[in-house]
Every structure is written in structure tokens, then in C-alpha cells.
Amino acid sequence: MERRLAAAERRIPELEAEIERLETEAADLRAQLELPEVATDYQRIAEISEALESTEAAILPLDQMCLR
């Protein structure tokens, strides 16, 4: 049990770095949605929205791992 806990604790910095990367990516995607040239391109809105949803979905389990 202690080994698992120690291994998990060693992974926390790695997980936090990945969360930070994904949050930066999500912020970039949100900023893209605000661009006038994107706002008028429904196909591009759909693509960015899908990428944003996927990125946000990837953050949640990582957050949960850090909280354990």
C-alpha cells in the first residue's frame, strides 16, 4: 500500500504539468472561438468546440488523480 502511495505521490508533479498544459490548450481554443474569422465559420466552430470538449474531458480525470 505504501509503495502505491509513494508512486502516486511521485506522479503528482507530472500530472500537474499535464493539467497545466491542457488548461493552456483549452484557453487557446476558447480564444480561437472569439476570433471574428472563426465566429463566421460554422465548420471551424464545430472543430474547435469538439477539440475544447475533448481537452476539458481529459482534464477532469487528471484532477481527480491529484486529489486522491
Protein backbone atom coordinates (compact mmCIF):
# COMPACT_ATOMS: atom_id res chain seq x y z
CA MET A 1 0.00 0.00 0.00
CA GLU A 2 2.79 2.40 0.92
CA ARG A 3 4.52 1.70 -2.39
CA ARG A 4 1.40 2.64 -4.31
CA LEU A 5 1.03 5.83 -2.34
CA ALA A 6 4.67 6.75 -2.88
CA ALA A 7 4.39 6.04 -6.61
CA ALA A 8 1.24 8.15 -6.83
CA GLU A 9 2.90 10.99 -4.95
CA ARG A 10 5.83 10.92 -7.36
CA ARG A 11 3.42 11.23 -10.28
CA ILE A 12 1.66 14.33 -8.91
CA PRO A 13 4.14 16.83 -10.44
CA GLU A 14 3.81 15.04 -13.79
CA LEU A 15 0.03 15.12 -13.56
CA GLU A 16 0.01 18.78 -12.55
CA ALA A 17 2.21 19.64 -15.53
CA GLU A 18 -0.16 17.80 -17.87
CA ILE A 19 -3.16 19.56 -16.34
CA GLU A 20 -1.46 22.90 -16.83
CA ARG A 21 -0.68 22.04 -20.47
CA LEU A 22 -4.28 21.01 -21.12
CA GLU A 23 -5.67 24.11 -19.39
CA THR A 24 -3.43 26.29 -21.58
CA GLU A 25 -4.65 24.41 -24.65
CA ALA A 26 -8.29 24.88 -23.56
CA ALA A 27 -7.73 28.61 -23.03
CA ASP A 28 -6.20 28.87 -26.51
CA LEU A 29 -9.19 27.07 -28.02
CA ARG A 30 -11.61 29.39 -26.20
CA ALA A 31 -9.69 32.40 -27.52
CA GLN A 32 -9.93 30.99 -31.05
CA LEU A 33 -13.71 30.77 -30.72
CA GLU A 34 -13.78 34.53 -30.07
CA LEU A 35 -11.95 35.43 -33.28
CA PRO A 36 -14.22 37.12 -35.85
CA GLU A 37 -12.96 34.91 -38.68
CA VAL A 38 -13.83 31.82 -36.66
CA ALA A 39 -17.18 33.12 -35.43
CA THR A 40 -18.46 33.22 -39.00
CA ASP A 41 -17.14 29.77 -39.97
CA TYR A 42 -19.54 27.17 -38.58
CA GLN A 43 -17.30 24.27 -39.60
CA ARG A 44 -14.35 25.79 -37.75
CA ILE A 45 -16.54 26.50 -34.69
CA ALA A 46 -17.57 22.84 -34.64
CA GLU A 47 -13.97 21.64 -34.93
CA ILE A 48 -12.69 23.94 -32.19
CA SER A 49 -15.65 23.14 -29.93
CA GLU A 50 -15.01 19.43 -30.34
CA ALA A 51 -11.32 19.88 -29.52
CA LEU A 52 -12.24 22.02 -26.50
CA GLU A 53 -14.70 19.42 -25.22
CA SER A 54 -12.10 16.68 -25.62
CA THR A 55 -9.43 18.75 -23.86
CA GLU A 56 -11.72 19.59 -20.95
CA ALA A 57 -12.74 15.94 -20.66
CA ALA A 58 -9.07 14.98 -20.39
CA ILE A 59 -8.51 17.40 -17.50
CA LEU A 60 -11.14 16.01 -15.13
CA PRO A 61 -9.65 12.55 -14.50
CA LEU A 62 -6.20 14.06 -14.03
CA ASP A 63 -7.58 16.49 -11.46
CA GLN A 64 -9.21 13.60 -9.65
CA MET A 65 -5.95 11.64 -9.58
CA CYS A 66 -4.19 14.57 -7.92
CA LEU A 67 -6.90 14.81 -5.26
CA ARG A 68 -6.59 11.19 -4.15
